[in-house]
Amino acid sequence: FEADQYSITMNVNDNLSLSYAKADDTYDARAGALTATTTGDNVADVTMSMTSIQAAYSMGSMSIKAYRTKTDNAAYNSGGGSTQVNEIALGLSF
């Protein structure tokens, strides 16, 4: 496996933060051929790519958090297409 990742975060003010992350993870099928753990060169390398955007806002005992994550070639399946997950969460403390 070979991976490249980066992320950036910015605190806009005391209440709001934004972040972005990107990761590319490559399964190198040929590297395993030396140890006889794969079937050889007939398996292609596959790169799984993930991008994510997050936002969080808090004020007193209330918080709102949201993210959107997109994954291409999930589970290192080159024919798997892409998946996208969205979530919004509201937190209240009493």
N, C-alpha and C. Protein backbone atom coordinates (compact mmCIF):
# COMPACT_ATOMS: atom_id res chain seq x y z
N PHE A 1 0.84 -1.18 0.00
CA PHE A 1 0.00 0.00 0.00
C PHE A 1 0.88 1.23 0.00
N GLU A 2 0.40 2.26 -0.68
CA GLU A 2 1.07 3.55 -0.70
C GLU A 2 -0.01 4.61 -0.53
N ALA A 3 0.20 5.57 0.37
CA ALA A 3 -0.84 6.56 0.66
C ALA A 3 -0.29 7.97 0.64
N ASP A 4 -1.11 8.88 0.14
CA ASP A 4 -0.84 10.32 0.19
C ASP A 4 -2.06 10.97 0.81
N GLN A 5 -1.83 11.82 1.83
CA GLN A 5 -2.93 12.45 2.53
C GLN A 5 -2.57 13.88 2.88
N TYR A 6 -3.57 14.74 2.91
CA TYR A 6 -3.39 16.07 3.45
C TYR A 6 -4.74 16.59 3.95
N SER A 7 -4.68 17.54 4.85
CA SER A 7 -5.89 18.17 5.35
C SER A 7 -5.57 19.60 5.75
N ILE A 8 -6.59 20.42 5.73
CA ILE A 8 -6.44 21.82 6.13
C ILE A 8 -7.64 22.19 6.98
N THR A 9 -7.40 22.92 8.04
CA THR A 9 -8.46 23.34 8.95
C THR A 9 -8.34 24.82 9.21
N MET A 10 -9.49 25.49 9.30
CA MET A 10 -9.48 26.91 9.59
C MET A 10 -10.55 27.20 10.63
N ASN A 11 -10.16 27.89 11.69
CA ASN A 11 -11.11 28.37 12.68
C ASN A 11 -11.52 29.77 12.24
N VAL A 12 -12.73 29.92 11.74
CA VAL A 12 -13.21 31.20 11.24
C VAL A 12 -13.35 32.19 12.38
N ASN A 13 -13.92 31.73 13.48
CA ASN A 13 -14.02 32.53 14.70
C ASN A 13 -14.11 31.56 15.87
N ASP A 14 -14.48 32.04 17.04
CA ASP A 14 -14.56 31.16 18.22
C ASP A 14 -15.62 30.08 18.08
N ASN A 15 -16.59 30.28 17.21
CA ASN A 15 -17.72 29.35 17.11
C ASN A 15 -17.69 28.45 15.88
N LEU A 16 -17.04 28.86 14.80
CA LEU A 16 -17.14 28.16 13.53
C LEU A 16 -15.77 27.65 13.07
N SER A 17 -15.72 26.38 12.69
CA SER A 17 -14.50 25.81 12.11
C SER A 17 -14.85 25.05 10.83
N LEU A 18 -13.96 25.10 9.86
CA LEU A 18 -14.13 24.44 8.58
C LEU A 18 -12.90 23.61 8.29
N SER A 19 -13.06 22.47 7.62
CA SER A 19 -11.90 21.65 7.28
C SER A 19 -12.14 20.89 5.99
N TYR A 20 -11.03 20.53 5.35
CA TYR A 20 -11.06 19.78 4.10
C TYR A 20 -9.95 18.74 4.19
N ALA A 21 -10.22 17.53 3.74
CA ALA A 21 -9.22 16.46 3.78
C ALA A 21 -9.28 15.66 2.47
N LYS A 22 -8.13 15.19 2.01
CA LYS A 22 -8.04 14.37 0.81
C LYS A 22 -7.03 13.26 1.07
N ALA A 23 -7.38 12.05 0.65
CA ALA A 23 -6.49 10.90 0.81
C ALA A 23 -6.57 10.03 -0.43
N ASP A 24 -5.41 9.59 -0.91
CA ASP A 24 -5.31 8.64 -2.02
C ASP A 24 -4.51 7.45 -1.50
N ASP A 25 -5.12 6.28 -1.53
CA ASP A 25 -4.49 5.07 -1.02
C ASP A 25 -4.42 4.06 -2.17
N THR A 26 -3.20 3.67 -2.55
CA THR A 26 -3.01 2.79 -3.70
C THR A 26 -2.61 1.40 -3.24
N TYR A 27 -3.33 0.40 -3.75
CA TYR A 27 -2.97 -1.00 -3.53
C TYR A 27 -2.06 -1.40 -4.67
N ASP A 28 -0.81 -1.74 -4.36
CA ASP A 28 0.19 -2.12 -5.35
C ASP A 28 0.19 -3.63 -5.48
N ALA A 29 -0.48 -4.15 -6.49
CA ALA A 29 -0.61 -5.59 -6.66
C ALA A 29 0.71 -6.25 -7.00
N ARG A 30 1.60 -5.58 -7.67
CA ARG A 30 2.87 -6.17 -8.08
C ARG A 30 3.84 -6.36 -6.93
N ALA A 31 3.73 -5.55 -5.89
CA ALA A 31 4.64 -5.69 -4.76
C ALA A 31 4.46 -7.03 -4.07
N GLY A 32 3.26 -7.57 -4.05
CA GLY A 32 3.00 -8.85 -3.41
C GLY A 32 3.48 -10.03 -4.22
N ALA A 33 3.76 -9.85 -5.50
CA ALA A 33 4.19 -10.96 -6.34
C ALA A 33 5.55 -11.51 -5.89
N LEU A 34 6.38 -10.67 -5.30
CA LEU A 34 7.70 -11.13 -4.85
C LEU A 34 7.59 -12.09 -3.68
N THR A 35 6.55 -11.94 -2.89
CA THR A 35 6.37 -12.83 -1.74
C THR A 35 5.35 -13.92 -2.00
N ALA A 36 4.91 -14.03 -3.23
CA ALA A 36 3.94 -15.06 -3.66
C ALA A 36 2.61 -14.92 -2.94
N THR A 37 2.24 -13.70 -2.58
CA THR A 37 0.95 -13.49 -1.91
C THR A 37 -0.14 -13.04 -2.87
N THR A 38 0.20 -12.80 -4.14
CA THR A 38 -0.82 -12.47 -5.14
C THR A 38 -0.65 -13.41 -6.31
N THR A 39 -1.52 -13.26 -7.28
CA THR A 39 -1.46 -14.13 -8.45
C THR A 39 -0.51 -13.59 -9.51
N GLY A 40 0.25 -12.56 -9.19
CA GLY A 40 1.23 -12.02 -10.14
C GLY A 40 0.77 -10.72 -10.75
N ASP A 41 1.24 -10.46 -11.96
CA ASP A 41 1.01 -9.18 -12.61
C ASP A 41 -0.37 -9.05 -13.25
N ASN A 42 -1.20 -10.08 -13.18
CA ASN A 42 -2.51 -9.98 -13.80
C ASN A 42 -3.51 -9.20 -12.96
N VAL A 43 -3.13 -8.73 -11.77
CA VAL A 43 -3.98 -7.90 -10.93
C VAL A 43 -3.49 -6.47 -11.04
N ALA A 44 -4.38 -5.55 -11.41
CA ALA A 44 -3.99 -4.16 -11.61
C ALA A 44 -3.96 -3.41 -10.28
N ASP A 45 -3.12 -2.39 -10.23
CA ASP A 45 -3.09 -1.50 -9.07
C ASP A 45 -4.41 -0.72 -9.02
N VAL A 46 -4.90 -0.48 -7.82
CA VAL A 46 -6.15 0.26 -7.64
C VAL A 46 -5.91 1.36 -6.61
N THR A 47 -6.37 2.59 -6.94
CA THR A 47 -6.26 3.71 -6.02
C THR A 47 -7.64 4.07 -5.50
N MET A 48 -7.78 4.03 -4.18
CA MET A 48 -9.01 4.46 -3.53
C MET A 48 -8.81 5.92 -3.12
N SER A 49 -9.68 6.82 -3.58
CA SER A 49 -9.58 8.25 -3.29
C SER A 49 -10.73 8.68 -2.40
N MET A 50 -10.40 9.47 -1.38
CA MET A 50 -11.41 9.97 -0.46
C MET A 50 -11.24 11.48 -0.29
N THR A 51 -12.34 12.22 -0.35
CA THR A 51 -12.33 13.65 -0.04
C THR A 51 -13.44 13.91 0.97
N SER A 52 -13.19 14.86 1.86
CA SER A 52 -14.16 15.14 2.91
C SER A 52 -14.14 16.63 3.24
N ILE A 53 -15.33 17.18 3.44
CA ILE A 53 -15.49 18.57 3.87
C ILE A 53 -16.30 18.54 5.16
N GLN A 54 -15.82 19.25 6.19
CA GLN A 54 -16.50 19.27 7.48
C GLN A 54 -16.70 20.71 7.93
N ALA A 55 -17.77 20.93 8.69
CA ALA A 55 -18.04 22.23 9.31
C ALA A 55 -18.63 21.97 10.69
N ALA A 56 -18.25 22.82 11.63
CA ALA A 56 -18.78 22.70 12.99
C ALA A 56 -19.04 24.10 13.54
N TYR A 57 -20.20 24.26 14.15
CA TYR A 57 -20.58 25.54 14.75
C TYR A 57 -21.08 25.27 16.16
N SER A 58 -20.59 26.02 17.11
CA SER A 58 -21.06 25.84 18.49
C SER A 58 -21.34 27.20 19.11
N MET A 59 -22.36 27.23 19.95
CA MET A 59 -22.72 28.45 20.66
C MET A 59 -23.34 28.03 21.98
N GLY A 60 -22.63 28.28 23.04
CA GLY A 60 -23.10 27.86 24.35
C GLY A 60 -23.16 26.35 24.44
N SER A 61 -24.32 25.81 24.76
CA SER A 61 -24.47 24.36 24.90
C SER A 61 -25.01 23.69 23.64
N MET A 62 -25.09 24.44 22.53
CA MET A 62 -25.60 23.91 21.28
C MET A 62 -24.46 23.77 20.27
N SER A 63 -24.49 22.68 19.51
CA SER A 63 -23.51 22.51 18.43
C SER A 63 -24.19 21.90 17.22
N ILE A 64 -23.75 22.33 16.05
CA ILE A 64 -24.20 21.77 14.78
C ILE A 64 -22.95 21.35 14.03
N LYS A 65 -22.93 20.10 13.59
CA LYS A 65 -21.79 19.56 12.87
C LYS A 65 -22.29 18.93 11.58
N ALA A 66 -21.54 19.13 10.50
CA ALA A 66 -21.94 18.56 9.21
C ALA A 66 -20.69 18.11 8.46
N TYR A 67 -20.85 17.06 7.67
CA TYR A 67 -19.75 16.64 6.80
C TYR A 67 -20.29 15.98 5.54
N ARG A 68 -19.46 15.99 4.52
CA ARG A 68 -19.74 15.30 3.25
C ARG A 68 -18.45 14.59 2.86
N THR A 69 -18.53 13.28 2.70
CA THR A 69 -17.37 12.47 2.32
C THR A 69 -17.68 11.71 1.04
N LYS A 70 -16.77 11.77 0.09
CA LYS A 70 -16.92 11.05 -1.18
C LYS A 70 -15.75 10.09 -1.32
N THR A 71 -16.05 8.84 -1.68
CA THR A 71 -15.03 7.81 -1.86
C THR A 71 -15.16 7.22 -3.26
N ASP A 72 -14.06 7.19 -3.99
CA ASP A 72 -13.99 6.54 -5.30
C ASP A 72 -13.23 5.24 -5.16
N ASN A 73 -13.66 4.19 -5.86
CA ASN A 73 -13.04 2.86 -5.82
C ASN A 73 -13.00 2.31 -4.39
N ALA A 74 -14.13 2.37 -3.72
CA ALA A 74 -14.21 1.90 -2.33
C ALA A 74 -13.80 0.43 -2.24
N ALA A 75 -13.12 0.08 -1.16
CA ALA A 75 -12.61 -1.27 -0.91
C ALA A 75 -11.67 -1.74 -2.03
N TYR A 76 -11.01 -0.78 -2.67
CA TYR A 76 -10.03 -1.07 -3.74
C TYR A 76 -10.66 -1.83 -4.90
N ASN A 77 -11.93 -1.56 -5.17
CA ASN A 77 -12.64 -2.19 -6.27
C ASN A 77 -12.69 -1.17 -7.42
N SER A 78 -11.95 -1.42 -8.49
CA SER A 78 -11.86 -0.45 -9.58
C SER A 78 -13.19 -0.27 -10.30
N GLY A 79 -14.10 -1.20 -10.19
CA GLY A 79 -15.40 -1.07 -10.82
C GLY A 79 -16.49 -0.68 -9.83
N GLY A 80 -16.10 -0.28 -8.64
CA GLY A 80 -17.06 0.01 -7.59
C GLY A 80 -17.74 1.35 -7.68
N GLY A 81 -17.29 2.22 -8.57
CA GLY A 81 -17.88 3.55 -8.68
C GLY A 81 -17.54 4.41 -7.49
N SER A 82 -18.44 5.32 -7.14
CA SER A 82 -18.18 6.18 -5.99
C SER A 82 -19.37 6.19 -5.05
N THR A 83 -19.06 6.47 -3.79
CA THR A 83 -20.09 6.58 -2.77
C THR A 83 -19.95 7.94 -2.11
N GLN A 84 -21.06 8.47 -1.65
CA GLN A 84 -21.04 9.75 -0.97
C GLN A 84 -21.89 9.65 0.29
N VAL A 85 -21.35 10.17 1.39
CA VAL A 85 -22.05 10.14 2.68
C VAL A 85 -22.18 11.57 3.18
N ASN A 86 -23.38 11.95 3.58
CA ASN A 86 -23.65 13.28 4.15
C ASN A 86 -24.26 13.09 5.54
N GLU A 87 -23.87 13.95 6.47
CA GLU A 87 -24.46 13.87 7.81
C GLU A 87 -24.50 15.25 8.43
N ILE A 88 -25.60 15.51 9.12
CA ILE A 88 -25.76 16.73 9.91
C ILE A 88 -26.17 16.28 11.30
N ALA A 89 -25.47 16.79 12.32
CA ALA A 89 -25.77 16.41 13.70
C ALA A 89 -26.00 17.65 14.54
N LEU A 90 -27.01 17.59 15.37
CA LEU A 90 -27.34 18.67 16.29
C LEU A 90 -27.12 18.16 17.71
N GLY A 91 -26.36 18.91 18.49
CA GLY A 91 -26.11 18.51 19.87
C GLY A 91 -26.60 19.58 20.83
N LEU A 92 -27.33 19.16 21.84
CA LEU A 92 -27.82 20.08 22.88
C LEU A 92 -27.45 19.53 24.24
N SER A 93 -26.87 20.36 25.08
CA SER A 93 -26.51 19.95 26.44
C SER A 93 -27.39 20.72 27.43
N PHE A 94 -27.91 20.01 28.42
CA PHE A 94 -28.75 20.65 29.43
C PHE A 94 -28.08 20.59 30.76
